[in-house]
PDB file of all heavy atoms in Angstrom:
ATOM      1  N   THR A   1       0.838  -1.196   0.000  1.00  0.00           N
ATOM      2  CA  THR A   1       0.000   0.000   0.000  1.00  0.00           C
ATOM      3  C   THR A   1       0.872   1.245   0.000  1.00  0.00           C
ATOM      4  O   THR A   1       1.845   1.319   0.758  1.00  0.00           O
ATOM      5  CB  THR A   1      -0.899   0.026   1.251  1.00  0.00           C
ATOM      6  OG1 THR A   1      -1.665  -1.182   1.295  1.00  0.00           O
ATOM      7  CG2 THR A   1      -1.830   1.224   1.242  1.00  0.00           C
ATOM      8  N   SER A   2       0.537   2.209  -0.837  1.00  0.00           N
ATOM      9  CA  SER A   2       1.238   3.496  -0.830  1.00  0.00           C
ATOM     10  C   SER A   2       0.512   4.456   0.094  1.00  0.00           C
ATOM     11  O   SER A   2      -0.721   4.510   0.116  1.00  0.00           O
ATOM     12  CB  SER A   2       1.292   4.086  -2.244  1.00  0.00           C
ATOM     13  OG  SER A   2       2.098   3.277  -3.067  1.00  0.00           O
ATOM     14  N   ARG A   3       1.294   5.207   0.864  1.00  0.00           N
ATOM     15  CA  ARG A   3       0.736   6.237   1.734  1.00  0.00           C
ATOM     16  C   ARG A   3       1.633   7.454   1.610  1.00  0.00           C
ATOM     17  O   ARG A   3       2.680   7.527   2.242  1.00  0.00           O
ATOM     18  CB  ARG A   3       0.649   5.748   3.172  1.00  0.00           C
ATOM     19  CG  ARG A   3       0.046   6.768   4.122  1.00  0.00           C
ATOM     20  CD  ARG A   3      -0.241   6.183   5.476  1.00  0.00           C
ATOM     21  NE  ARG A   3      -1.304   5.204   5.419  1.00  0.00           N
ATOM     22  CZ  ARG A   3      -1.676   4.450   6.460  1.00  0.00           C
ATOM     23  NH1 ARG A   3      -1.044   4.568   7.612  1.00  0.00           N
ATOM     24  NH2 ARG A   3      -2.667   3.594   6.341  1.00  0.00           N
ATOM     25  N   GLY A   4       1.233   8.390   0.780  1.00  0.00           N
ATOM     26  CA  GLY A   4       2.087   9.524   0.473  1.00  0.00           C
ATOM     27  C   GLY A   4       3.358   9.023  -0.188  1.00  0.00           C
ATOM     28  O   GLY A   4       3.320   8.233  -1.136  1.00  0.00           O
ATOM     29  N   SER A   5       4.500   9.434   0.334  1.00  0.00           N
ATOM     30  CA  SER A   5       5.775   8.990  -0.223  1.00  0.00           C
ATOM     31  C   SER A   5       6.253   7.667   0.387  1.00  0.00           C
ATOM     32  O   SER A   5       7.277   7.129  -0.028  1.00  0.00           O
ATOM     33  CB  SER A   5       6.850  10.064   0.014  1.00  0.00           C
ATOM     34  OG  SER A   5       7.014  10.301   1.407  1.00  0.00           O
ATOM     35  N   ASP A   6       5.502   7.141   1.352  1.00  0.00           N
ATOM     36  CA  ASP A   6       5.863   5.892   2.012  1.00  0.00           C
ATOM     37  C   ASP A   6       5.118   4.713   1.400  1.00  0.00           C
ATOM     38  O   ASP A   6       4.101   4.874   0.714  1.00  0.00           O
ATOM     39  CB  ASP A   6       5.547   5.948   3.505  1.00  0.00           C
ATOM     40  CG  ASP A   6       6.391   6.963   4.246  1.00  0.00           C
ATOM     41  OD1 ASP A   6       7.393   7.456   3.669  1.00  0.00           O
ATOM     42  OD2 ASP A   6       6.049   7.278   5.394  1.00  0.00           O
ATOM     43  N   LYS A   7       5.631   3.518   1.687  1.00  0.00           N
ATOM     44  CA  LYS A   7       4.935   2.285   1.335  1.00  0.00           C
ATOM     45  C   LYS A   7       4.780   1.443   2.590  1.00  0.00           C
ATOM     46  O   LYS A   7       5.657   1.435   3.455  1.00  0.00           O
ATOM     47  CB  LYS A   7       5.702   1.501   0.266  1.00  0.00           C
ATOM     48  CG  LYS A   7       5.702   2.202  -1.090  1.00  0.00           C
ATOM     49  CD  LYS A   7       6.208   1.280  -2.193  1.00  0.00           C
ATOM     50  CE  LYS A   7       6.091   1.968  -3.555  1.00  0.00           C
ATOM     51  NZ  LYS A   7       6.367   1.029  -4.667  1.00  0.00           N
ATOM     52  N   LEU A   8       3.647   0.741   2.675  1.00  0.00           N
ATOM     53  CA  LEU A   8       3.363  -0.146   3.788  1.00  0.00           C
ATOM     54  C   LEU A   8       3.419  -1.580   3.286  1.00  0.00           C
ATOM     55  O   LEU A   8       2.684  -1.946   2.368  1.00  0.00           O
ATOM     56  CB  LEU A   8       1.993   0.150   4.395  1.00  0.00           C
ATOM     57  CG  LEU A   8       1.751   1.577   4.876  1.00  0.00           C
ATOM     58  CD1 LEU A   8       0.343   1.718   5.437  1.00  0.00           C
ATOM     59  CD2 LEU A   8       2.791   2.005   5.903  1.00  0.00           C
ATOM     60  N   VAL A   9       4.313  -2.363   3.875  1.00  0.00           N
ATOM     61  CA  VAL A   9       4.473  -3.759   3.490  1.00  0.00           C
ATOM     62  C   VAL A   9       4.047  -4.621   4.668  1.00  0.00           C
ATOM     63  O   VAL A   9       4.605  -4.513   5.757  1.00  0.00           O
ATOM     64  CB  VAL A   9       5.936  -4.079   3.101  1.00  0.00           C
ATOM     65  CG1 VAL A   9       6.070  -5.538   2.679  1.00  0.00           C
ATOM     66  CG2 VAL A   9       6.412  -3.152   1.991  1.00  0.00           C
ATOM     67  N   ARG A  10       3.061  -5.479   4.425  1.00  0.00           N
ATOM     68  CA  ARG A  10       2.555  -6.346   5.485  1.00  0.00           C
ATOM     69  C   ARG A  10       3.311  -7.667   5.513  1.00  0.00           C
ATOM     70  O   ARG A  10       3.716  -8.175   4.474  1.00  0.00           O
ATOM     71  CB  ARG A  10       1.057  -6.590   5.277  1.00  0.00           C
ATOM     72  CG  ARG A  10       0.230  -5.355   5.581  1.00  0.00           C
ATOM     73  CD  ARG A  10      -1.182  -5.409   5.023  1.00  0.00           C
ATOM     74  NE  ARG A  10      -1.918  -4.222   5.410  1.00  0.00           N
ATOM     75  CZ  ARG A  10      -1.791  -3.033   4.803  1.00  0.00           C
ATOM     76  NH1 ARG A  10      -0.960  -2.891   3.792  1.00  0.00           N
ATOM     77  NH2 ARG A  10      -2.485  -1.990   5.217  1.00  0.00           N
ATOM     78  N   ALA A  11       3.474  -8.184   6.718  1.00  0.00           N
ATOM     79  CA  ALA A  11       4.131  -9.475   6.876  1.00  0.00           C
ATOM     80  C   ALA A  11       3.426 -10.250   7.974  1.00  0.00           C
ATOM     81  O   ALA A  11       2.880  -9.672   8.920  1.00  0.00           O
ATOM     82  CB  ALA A  11       5.603  -9.295   7.228  1.00  0.00           C
ATOM     83  N   THR A  12       3.418 -11.569   7.813  1.00  0.00           N
ATOM     84  CA  THR A  12       2.888 -12.455   8.839  1.00  0.00           C
ATOM     85  C   THR A  12       4.040 -13.245   9.428  1.00  0.00           C
ATOM     86  O   THR A  12       4.853 -13.818   8.697  1.00  0.00           O
ATOM     87  CB  THR A  12       1.855 -13.427   8.248  1.00  0.00           C
ATOM     88  OG1 THR A  12       0.784 -12.678   7.667  1.00  0.00           O
ATOM     89  CG2 THR A  12       1.297 -14.349   9.324  1.00  0.00           C
ATOM     90  N   ILE A  13       4.135 -13.244  10.744  1.00  0.00           N
ATOM     91  CA  ILE A  13       5.114 -14.068  11.445  1.00  0.00           C
ATOM     92  C   ILE A  13       4.306 -15.061  12.260  1.00  0.00           C
ATOM     93  O   ILE A  13       3.700 -14.703  13.262  1.00  0.00           O
ATOM     94  CB  ILE A  13       6.028 -13.236  12.356  1.00  0.00           C
ATOM     95  CG1 ILE A  13       6.691 -12.111  11.575  1.00  0.00           C
ATOM     96  CG2 ILE A  13       7.065 -14.117  13.015  1.00  0.00           C
ATOM     97  CD1 ILE A  13       7.489 -11.173  12.424  1.00  0.00           C
ATOM     98  N   THR A  14       4.281 -16.302  11.786  1.00  0.00           N
ATOM     99  CA  THR A  14       3.392 -17.311  12.340  1.00  0.00           C
ATOM    100  C   THR A  14       1.969 -16.753  12.252  1.00  0.00           C
ATOM    101  O   THR A  14       1.468 -16.550  11.167  1.00  0.00           O
ATOM    102  CB  THR A  14       3.817 -17.713  13.763  1.00  0.00           C
ATOM    103  OG1 THR A  14       5.216 -18.051  13.723  1.00  0.00           O
ATOM    104  CG2 THR A  14       3.059 -18.924  14.262  1.00  0.00           C
ATOM    105  N   SER A  15       1.305 -16.482  13.364  1.00  0.00           N
ATOM    106  CA  SER A  15      -0.059 -15.947  13.292  1.00  0.00           C
ATOM    107  C   SER A  15      -0.104 -14.458  13.591  1.00  0.00           C
ATOM    108  O   SER A  15      -1.182 -13.860  13.627  1.00  0.00           O
ATOM    109  CB  SER A  15      -0.963 -16.696  14.283  1.00  0.00           C
ATOM    110  OG  SER A  15      -0.484 -16.546  15.600  1.00  0.00           O
ATOM    111  N   ASP A  16       1.046 -13.834  13.798  1.00  0.00           N
ATOM    112  CA  ASP A  16       1.097 -12.413  14.140  1.00  0.00           C
ATOM    113  C   ASP A  16       1.339 -11.561  12.903  1.00  0.00           C
ATOM    114  O   ASP A  16       1.993 -11.989  11.944  1.00  0.00           O
ATOM    115  CB  ASP A  16       2.205 -12.159  15.168  1.00  0.00           C
ATOM    116  CG  ASP A  16       1.902 -12.819  16.496  1.00  0.00           C
ATOM    117  OD1 ASP A  16       0.992 -12.347  17.183  1.00  0.00           O
ATOM    118  OD2 ASP A  16       2.567 -13.814  16.821  1.00  0.00           O
ATOM    119  N   LYS A  17       0.809 -10.359  12.933  1.00  0.00           N
ATOM    120  CA  LYS A  17       0.877  -9.449  11.785  1.00  0.00           C
ATOM    121  C   LYS A  17       1.758  -8.247  12.098  1.00  0.00           C
ATOM    122  O   LYS A  17       1.687  -7.686  13.184  1.00  0.00           O
ATOM    123  CB  LYS A  17      -0.522  -8.942  11.419  1.00  0.00           C
ATOM    124  CG  LYS A  17      -1.540 -10.035  11.139  1.00  0.00           C
ATOM    125  CD  LYS A  17      -1.340 -10.641   9.780  1.00  0.00           C
ATOM    126  CE  LYS A  17      -2.467 -11.601   9.441  1.00  0.00           C
ATOM    127  NZ  LYS A  17      -2.304 -12.184   8.100  1.00  0.00           N
ATOM    128  N   LEU A  18       2.575  -7.883  11.113  1.00  0.00           N
ATOM    129  CA  LEU A  18       3.388  -6.678  11.190  1.00  0.00           C
ATOM    130  C   LEU A  18       3.158  -5.849   9.945  1.00  0.00           C
ATOM    131  O   LEU A  18       2.827  -6.374   8.878  1.00  0.00           O
ATOM    132  CB  LEU A  18       4.881  -7.018  11.241  1.00  0.00           C
ATOM    133  CG  LEU A  18       5.453  -7.683  12.475  1.00  0.00           C
ATOM    134  CD1 LEU A  18       6.932  -7.957  12.255  1.00  0.00           C
ATOM    135  CD2 LEU A  18       5.249  -6.813  13.694  1.00  0.00           C
ATOM    136  N   ILE A  19       3.370  -4.554  10.075  1.00  0.00           N
ATOM    137  CA  ILE A  19       3.410  -3.668   8.913  1.00  0.00           C
ATOM    138  C   ILE A  19       4.730  -2.909   8.974  1.00  0.00           C
ATOM    139  O   ILE A  19       5.040  -2.262   9.981  1.00  0.00           O
ATOM    140  CB  ILE A  19       2.242  -2.669   8.900  1.00  0.00           C
ATOM    141  CG1 ILE A  19       0.900  -3.409   8.872  1.00  0.00           C
ATOM    142  CG2 ILE A  19       2.360  -1.731   7.692  1.00  0.00           C
ATOM    143  CD1 ILE A  19      -0.305  -2.502   9.043  1.00  0.00           C
ATOM    144  N   TYR A  20       5.502  -3.005   7.896  1.00  0.00           N
ATOM    145  CA  TYR A  20       6.725  -2.217   7.765  1.00  0.00           C
ATOM    146  C   TYR A  20       6.378  -0.944   7.011  1.00  0.00           C
ATOM    147  O   TYR A  20       5.834  -1.001   5.903  1.00  0.00           O
ATOM    148  CB  TYR A  20       7.781  -2.974   6.958  1.00  0.00           C
ATOM    149  CG  TYR A  20       8.303  -4.226   7.596  1.00  0.00           C
ATOM    150  CD1 TYR A  20       7.785  -5.465   7.236  1.00  0.00           C
ATOM    151  CD2 TYR A  20       9.344  -4.184   8.519  1.00  0.00           C
ATOM    152  CE1 TYR A  20       8.276  -6.633   7.793  1.00  0.00           C
ATOM    153  CE2 TYR A  20       9.844  -5.346   9.082  1.00  0.00           C
ATOM    154  CZ  TYR A  20       9.297  -6.568   8.714  1.00  0.00           C
ATOM    155  OH  TYR A  20       9.790  -7.720   9.262  1.00  0.00           O
ATOM    156  N   ARG A  21       6.679   0.194   7.600  1.00  0.00           N
ATOM    157  CA  ARG A  21       6.557   1.457   6.863  1.00  0.00           C
ATOM    158  C   ARG A  21       7.910   1.750   6.239  1.00  0.00           C
ATOM    159  O   ARG A  21       8.929   1.776   6.922  1.00  0.00           O
ATOM    160  CB  ARG A  21       6.135   2.611   7.776  1.00  0.00           C
ATOM    161  CG  ARG A  21       5.917   3.923   7.015  1.00  0.00           C
ATOM    162  CD  ARG A  21       5.096   4.918   7.806  1.00  0.00           C
ATOM    163  NE  ARG A  21       5.730   5.330   9.031  1.00  0.00           N
ATOM    164  CZ  ARG A  21       6.445   6.447   9.187  1.00  0.00           C
ATOM    165  NH1 ARG A  21       6.639   7.256   8.155  1.00  0.00           N
ATOM    166  NH2 ARG A  21       6.962   6.756  10.347  1.00  0.00           N
ATOM    167  N   MET A  22       7.908   1.964   4.930  1.00  0.00           N
ATOM    168  CA  MET A  22       9.155   2.102   4.196  1.00  0.00           C
ATOM    169  C   MET A  22       9.192   3.413   3.426  1.00  0.00           C
ATOM    170  O   MET A  22       8.156   3.956   3.031  1.00  0.00           O
ATOM    171  CB  MET A  22       9.331   0.917   3.244  1.00  0.00           C
ATOM    172  CG  MET A  22       9.254  -0.418   3.964  1.00  0.00           C
ATOM    173  SD  MET A  22       9.713  -1.798   2.923  1.00  0.00           S
ATOM    174  CE  MET A  22      11.490  -1.561   2.826  1.00  0.00           C
ATOM    175  N   ARG A  23      10.426   3.895   3.245  1.00  0.00           N
ATOM    176  CA  ARG A  23      10.638   5.171   2.558  1.00  0.00           C
ATOM    177  C   ARG A  23      11.850   5.024   1.647  1.00  0.00           C
ATOM    178  O   ARG A  23      12.829   4.378   2.002  1.00  0.00           O
ATOM    179  CB  ARG A  23      10.872   6.272   3.588  1.00  0.00           C
ATOM    180  CG  ARG A  23      10.924   7.671   3.026  1.00  0.00           C
ATOM    181  CD  ARG A  23      10.859   8.687   4.162  1.00  0.00           C
ATOM    182  NE  ARG A  23       9.565   8.637   4.844  1.00  0.00           N
ATOM    183  CZ  ARG A  23       9.296   9.290   5.966  1.00  0.00           C
ATOM    184  NH1 ARG A  23      10.223  10.025   6.549  1.00  0.00           N
ATOM    185  NH2 ARG A  23       8.095   9.199   6.518  1.00  0.00           N
ATOM    186  N   PHE A  24      11.769   5.640   0.471  1.00  0.00           N
ATOM    187  CA  PHE A  24      12.884   5.551  -0.472  1.00  0.00           C
ATOM    188  C   PHE A  24      14.004   6.482  -0.014  1.00  0.00           C
ATOM    189  O   PHE A  24      13.818   7.677   0.145  1.00  0.00           O
ATOM    190  CB  PHE A  24      12.429   5.934  -1.888  1.00  0.00           C
ATOM    191  CG  PHE A  24      13.393   5.502  -2.945  1.00  0.00           C
ATOM    192  CD1 PHE A  24      13.464   4.177  -3.362  1.00  0.00           C
ATOM    193  CD2 PHE A  24      14.253   6.421  -3.520  1.00  0.00           C
ATOM    194  CE1 PHE A  24      14.358   3.778  -4.335  1.00  0.00           C
ATOM    195  CE2 PHE A  24      15.160   6.037  -4.499  1.00  0.00           C
ATOM    196  CZ  PHE A  24      15.209   4.710  -4.909  1.00  0.00           C
ATOM    197  N   SER A  25      15.172   5.902   0.240  1.00  0.00           N
ATOM    198  CA  SER A  25      16.300   6.667   0.777  1.00  0.00           C
ATOM    199  C   SER A  25      17.594   6.019   0.329  1.00  0.00           C
ATOM    200  O   SER A  25      17.720   4.794   0.338  1.00  0.00           O
ATOM    201  CB  SER A  25      16.222   6.682   2.312  1.00  0.00           C
ATOM    202  OG  SER A  25      17.355   7.287   2.875  1.00  0.00           O
ATOM    203  N   GLN A  26      18.543   6.827  -0.077  1.00  0.00           N
ATOM    204  CA  GLN A  26      19.862   6.340  -0.480  1.00  0.00           C
ATOM    205  C   GLN A  26      19.752   5.241  -1.538  1.00  0.00           C
ATOM    206  O   GLN A  26      20.442   4.230  -1.490  1.00  0.00           O
ATOM    207  CB  GLN A  26      20.641   5.838   0.736  1.00  0.00           C
ATOM    208  CG  GLN A  26      20.859   6.905   1.788  1.00  0.00           C
ATOM    209  CD  GLN A  26      21.477   6.349   3.064  1.00  0.00           C
ATOM    210  OE1 GLN A  26      21.925   5.210   3.115  1.00  0.00           O
ATOM    211  NE2 GLN A  26      21.496   7.161   4.097  1.00  0.00           N
ATOM    212  N   GLY A  27      18.841   5.450  -2.464  1.00  0.00           N
ATOM    213  CA  GLY A  27      18.764   4.576  -3.628  1.00  0.00           C
ATOM    214  C   GLY A  27      17.916   3.333  -3.487  1.00  0.00           C
ATOM    215  O   GLY A  27      17.836   2.535  -4.445  1.00  0.00           O
ATOM    216  N   LYS A  28      17.257   3.131  -2.332  1.00  0.00           N
ATOM    217  CA  LYS A  28      16.395   1.955  -2.210  1.00  0.00           C
ATOM    218  C   LYS A  28      15.364   2.167  -1.099  1.00  0.00           C
ATOM    219  O   LYS A  28      15.458   3.116  -0.318  1.00  0.00           O
ATOM    220  CB  LYS A  28      17.227   0.706  -1.928  1.00  0.00           C
ATOM    221  CG  LYS A  28      18.014   0.725  -0.635  1.00  0.00           C
ATOM    222  CD  LYS A  28      18.847  -0.556  -0.523  1.00  0.00           C
ATOM    223  CE  LYS A  28      19.683  -0.572   0.742  1.00  0.00           C
ATOM    224  NZ  LYS A  28      20.499  -1.806   0.843  1.00  0.00           N
ATOM    225  N   TRP A  29      14.377   1.275  -1.057  1.00  0.00           N
ATOM    226  CA  TRP A  29      13.356   1.339  -0.026  1.00  0.00           C
ATOM    227  C   TRP A  29      13.920   0.827   1.288  1.00  0.00           C
ATOM    228  O   TRP A  29      14.521  -0.243   1.349  1.00  0.00           O
ATOM    229  CB  TRP A  29      12.128   0.528  -0.437  1.00  0.00           C
ATOM    230  CG  TRP A  29      11.387   1.192  -1.553  1.00  0.00           C
ATOM    231  CD1 TRP A  29      11.516   0.953  -2.890  1.00  0.00           C
ATOM    232  CD2 TRP A  29      10.455   2.262  -1.415  1.00  0.00           C
ATOM    233  NE1 TRP A  29      10.716   1.810  -3.596  1.00  0.00           N
ATOM    234  CE2 TRP A  29      10.037   2.612  -2.723  1.00  0.00           C
ATOM    235  CE3 TRP A  29       9.915   2.949  -0.319  1.00  0.00           C
ATOM    236  CZ2 TRP A  29       9.119   3.625  -2.957  1.00  0.00           C
ATOM    237  CZ3 TRP A  29       8.993   3.956  -0.553  1.00  0.00           C
ATOM    238  CH2 TRP A  29       8.608   4.286  -1.856  1.00  0.00           C
ATOM    239  N   ARG A  30      13.726   1.622   2.352  1.00  0.00           N
ATOM    240  CA  ARG A  30      14.246   1.279   3.664  1.00  0.00           C
ATOM    241  C   ARG A  30      13.143   1.379   4.719  1.00  0.00           C
ATOM    242  O   ARG A  30      12.218   2.187   4.607  1.00  0.00           O
ATOM    243  CB  ARG A  30      15.397   2.222   4.047  1.00  0.00           C
ATOM    244  CG  ARG A  30      16.626   2.089   3.148  1.00  0.00           C
ATOM    245  CD  ARG A  30      17.675   3.123   3.523  1.00  0.00           C
ATOM    246  NE  ARG A  30      18.831   3.036   2.647  1.00  0.00           N
ATOM    247  CZ  ARG A  30      19.918   2.302   2.897  1.00  0.00           C
ATOM    248  NH1 ARG A  30      19.975   1.596   4.011  1.00  0.00           N
ATOM    249  NH2 ARG A  30      20.921   2.278   2.056  1.00  0.00           N
ATOM    250  N   ILE A  31      13.280   0.583   5.754  1.00  0.00           N
ATOM    251  CA  ILE A  31      12.308   0.562   6.845  1.00  0.00           C
ATOM    252  C   ILE A  31      12.481   1.820   7.702  1.00  0.00           C
ATOM    253  O   ILE A  31      13.590   2.172   8.085  1.00  0.00           O
ATOM    254  CB  ILE A  31      12.518  -0.689   7.722  1.00  0.00           C
ATOM    255  CG1 ILE A  31      12.335  -1.962   6.885  1.00  0.00           C
ATOM    256  CG2 ILE A  31      11.572  -0.682   8.924  1.00  0.00           C
ATOM    257  CD1 ILE A  31      12.876  -3.213   7.541  1.00  0.00           C
ATOM    258  N   VAL A  32      11.349   2.490   7.993  1.00  0.00           N
ATOM    259  CA  VAL A  32      11.375   3.631   8.912  1.00  0.00           C
ATOM    260  C   VAL A  32      10.513   3.398  10.151  1.00  0.00           C
ATOM    261  O   VAL A  32      10.592   4.165  11.110  1.00  0.00           O
ATOM    262  CB  VAL A  32      10.956   4.957   8.226  1.00  0.00           C
ATOM    263  CG1 VAL A  32      11.984   5.369   7.193  1.00  0.00           C
ATOM    264  CG2 VAL A  32       9.578   4.862   7.624  1.00  0.00           C
ATOM    265  N   ASP A  33       9.701   2.345  10.127  1.00  0.00           N
ATOM    266  CA  ASP A  33       8.871   2.038  11.293  1.00  0.00           C
ATOM    267  C   ASP A  33       8.349   0.617  11.160  1.00  0.00           C
ATOM    268  O   ASP A  33       8.267   0.068  10.054  1.00  0.00           O
ATOM    269  CB  ASP A  33       7.705   3.019  11.399  1.00  0.00           C
ATOM    270  CG  ASP A  33       7.015   3.022  12.764  1.00  0.00           C
ATOM    271  OD1 ASP A  33       7.514   2.363  13.696  1.00  0.00           O
ATOM    272  OD2 ASP A  33       5.971   3.695  12.892  1.00  0.00           O
ATOM    273  N   ILE A  34       8.004   0.020  12.306  1.00  0.00           N
ATOM    274  CA  ILE A  34       7.346  -1.273  12.355  1.00  0.00           C
ATOM    275  C   ILE A  34       6.096  -1.088  13.196  1.00  0.00           C
ATOM    276  O   ILE A  34       6.149  -0.551  14.303  1.00  0.00           O
ATOM    277  CB  ILE A  34       8.248  -2.357  12.966  1.00  0.00           C
ATOM    278  CG1 ILE A  34       9.526  -2.511  12.141  1.00  0.00           C
ATOM    279  CG2 ILE A  34       7.506  -3.692  13.048  1.00  0.00           C
ATOM    280  CD1 ILE A  34      10.587  -3.368  12.805  1.00  0.00           C
ATOM    281  N   ILE A  35       4.968  -1.532  12.662  1.00  0.00           N
ATOM    282  CA  ILE A  35       3.683  -1.354  13.336  1.00  0.00           C
ATOM    283  C   ILE A  35       3.133  -2.731  13.685  1.00  0.00           C
ATOM    284  O   ILE A  35       3.070  -3.618  12.828  1.00  0.00           O
ATOM    285  CB  ILE A  35       2.697  -0.597  12.424  1.00  0.00           C
ATOM    286  CG1 ILE A  35       3.281   0.788  12.081  1.00  0.00           C
ATOM    287  CG2 ILE A  35       1.327  -0.464  13.077  1.00  0.00           C
ATOM    288  CD1 ILE A  35       2.646   1.447  10.890  1.00  0.00           C
ATOM    289  N   SER A  36       2.772  -2.930  14.954  1.00  0.00           N
ATOM    290  CA  SER A  36       2.130  -4.175  15.376  1.00  0.00           C
ATOM    291  C   SER A  36       0.924  -3.832  16.234  1.00  0.00           C
ATOM    292  O   SER A  36       0.991  -2.937  17.080  1.00  0.00           O
ATOM    293  CB  SER A  36       3.109  -5.058  16.150  1.00  0.00           C
ATOM    294  OG  SER A  36       3.526  -4.427  17.334  1.00  0.00           O
ATOM    295  N   ASP A  37      -0.172  -4.545  15.993  1.00  0.00           N
ATOM    296  CA  ASP A  37      -1.423  -4.271  16.715  1.00  0.00           C
ATOM    297  C   ASP A  37      -1.797  -2.789  16.651  1.00  0.00           C
ATOM    298  O   ASP A  37      -2.297  -2.218  17.627  1.00  0.00           O
ATOM    299  CB  ASP A  37      -1.312  -4.711  18.180  1.00  0.00           C
ATOM    300  CG  ASP A  37      -1.179  -6.224  18.314  1.00  0.00           C
ATOM    301  OD1 ASP A  37      -1.688  -6.947  17.435  1.00  0.00           O
ATOM    302  OD2 ASP A  37      -0.545  -6.670  19.280  1.00  0.00           O
ATOM    303  N   GLY A  38      -1.509  -2.160  15.517  1.00  0.00           N
ATOM    304  CA  GLY A  38      -1.852  -0.761  15.331  1.00  0.00           C
ATOM    305  C   GLY A  38      -0.945   0.215  16.044  1.00  0.00           C
ATOM    306  O   GLY A  38      -1.197   1.423  16.019  1.00  0.00           O
ATOM    307  N   VAL A  39       0.117  -0.281  16.670  1.00  0.00           N
ATOM    308  CA  VAL A  39       1.014   0.573  17.451  1.00  0.00           C
ATOM    309  C   VAL A  39       2.315   0.785  16.686  1.00  0.00           C
ATOM    310  O   VAL A  39       2.986  -0.170  16.301  1.00  0.00           O
ATOM    311  CB  VAL A  39       1.317  -0.050  18.822  1.00  0.00           C
ATOM    312  CG1 VAL A  39       2.302   0.816  19.607  1.00  0.00           C
ATOM    313  CG2 VAL A  39       0.029  -0.250  19.614  1.00  0.00           C
ATOM    314  N   SER A  40       2.660   2.043  16.485  1.00  0.00           N
ATOM    315  CA  SER A  40       3.925   2.398  15.857  1.00  0.00           C
ATOM    316  C   SER A  40       5.047   2.231  16.864  1.00  0.00           C
ATOM    317  O   SER A  40       5.062   2.868  17.917  1.00  0.00           O
ATOM    318  CB  SER A  40       3.877   3.853  15.374  1.00  0.00           C
ATOM    319  OG  SER A  40       5.180   4.371  15.222  1.00  0.00           O
ATOM    320  N   GLN A  41       6.009   1.372  16.531  1.00  0.00           N
ATOM    321  CA  GLN A  41       7.117   1.153  17.443  1.00  0.00           C
ATOM    322  C   GLN A  41       8.048   2.367  17.505  1.00  0.00           C
ATOM    323  O   GLN A  41       8.697   2.598  18.521  1.00  0.00           O
ATOM    324  CB  GLN A  41       7.876  -0.107  17.046  1.00  0.00           C
ATOM    325  CG  GLN A  41       7.008  -1.356  17.098  1.00  0.00           C
ATOM    326  CD  GLN A  41       6.335  -1.559  18.452  1.00  0.00           C
ATOM    327  OE1 GLN A  41       6.968  -1.422  19.486  1.00  0.00           O
ATOM    328  NE2 GLN A  41       5.046  -1.863  18.443  1.00  0.00           N
ATOM    329  N   LEU A  42       8.077   3.140  16.428  1.00  0.00           N
ATOM    330  CA  LEU A  42       8.852   4.375  16.435  1.00  0.00           C
ATOM    331  C   LEU A  42       8.256   5.370  17.442  1.00  0.00           C
ATOM    332  O   LEU A  42       8.976   6.038  18.183  1.00  0.00           O
ATOM    333  CB  LEU A  42       8.886   4.966  15.030  1.00  0.00           C
ATOM    334  CG  LEU A  42       9.864   6.100  14.771  1.00  0.00           C
ATOM    335  CD1 LEU A  42      11.302   5.651  15.009  1.00  0.00           C
ATOM    336  CD2 LEU A  42       9.706   6.588  13.330  1.00  0.00           C
ATOM    337  N   ALA A  43       6.920   5.440  17.469  1.00  0.00           N
ATOM    338  CA  ALA A  43       6.249   6.317  18.430  1.00  0.00           C
ATOM    339  C   ALA A  43       6.504   5.862  19.864  1.00  0.00           C
ATOM    340  O   ALA A  43       6.710   6.682  20.767  1.00  0.00           O
ATOM    341  CB  ALA A  43       4.751   6.359  18.141  1.00  0.00           C
ATOM    342  N   VAL A  44       6.529   4.543  20.075  1.00  0.00           N
ATOM    343  CA  VAL A  44       6.815   4.007  21.408  1.00  0.00           C
ATOM    344  C   VAL A  44       8.222   4.394  21.835  1.00  0.00           C
ATOM    345  O   VAL A  44       8.454   4.834  22.973  1.00  0.00           O
ATOM    346  CB  VAL A  44       6.640   2.471  21.427  1.00  0.00           C
ATOM    347  CG1 VAL A  44       7.177   1.874  22.725  1.00  0.00           C
ATOM    348  CG2 VAL A  44       5.171   2.106  21.243  1.00  0.00           C
ATOM    349  N   GLN A  45       9.178   4.245  20.923  1.00  0.00           N
ATOM    350  CA  GLN A  45      10.558   4.620  21.249  1.00  0.00           C
ATOM    351  C   GLN A  45      10.671   6.102  21.578  1.00  0.00           C
ATOM    352  O   GLN A  45      11.363   6.482  22.527  1.00  0.00           O
ATOM    353  CB  GLN A  45      11.474   4.312  20.068  1.00  0.00           C
ATOM    354  CG  GLN A  45      12.162   2.980  20.175  1.00  0.00           C
ATOM    355  CD  GLN A  45      13.359   2.945  19.272  1.00  0.00           C
ATOM    356  OE1 GLN A  45      13.356   3.508  18.183  1.00  0.00           O
ATOM    357  NE2 GLN A  45      14.399   2.277  19.714  1.00  0.00           N
TER     358      GLN A  45
END
């Protein structure tokens, strides 16, 4: 999913769900946040 200049990539780990928020930087897509259960881990940090 595209969200502005970011992309959201979903992943399943066993039965748990994650969303990687990614941004194009230094020539490739890079992770800028990990979201689980609707909670931004960057915001938690």
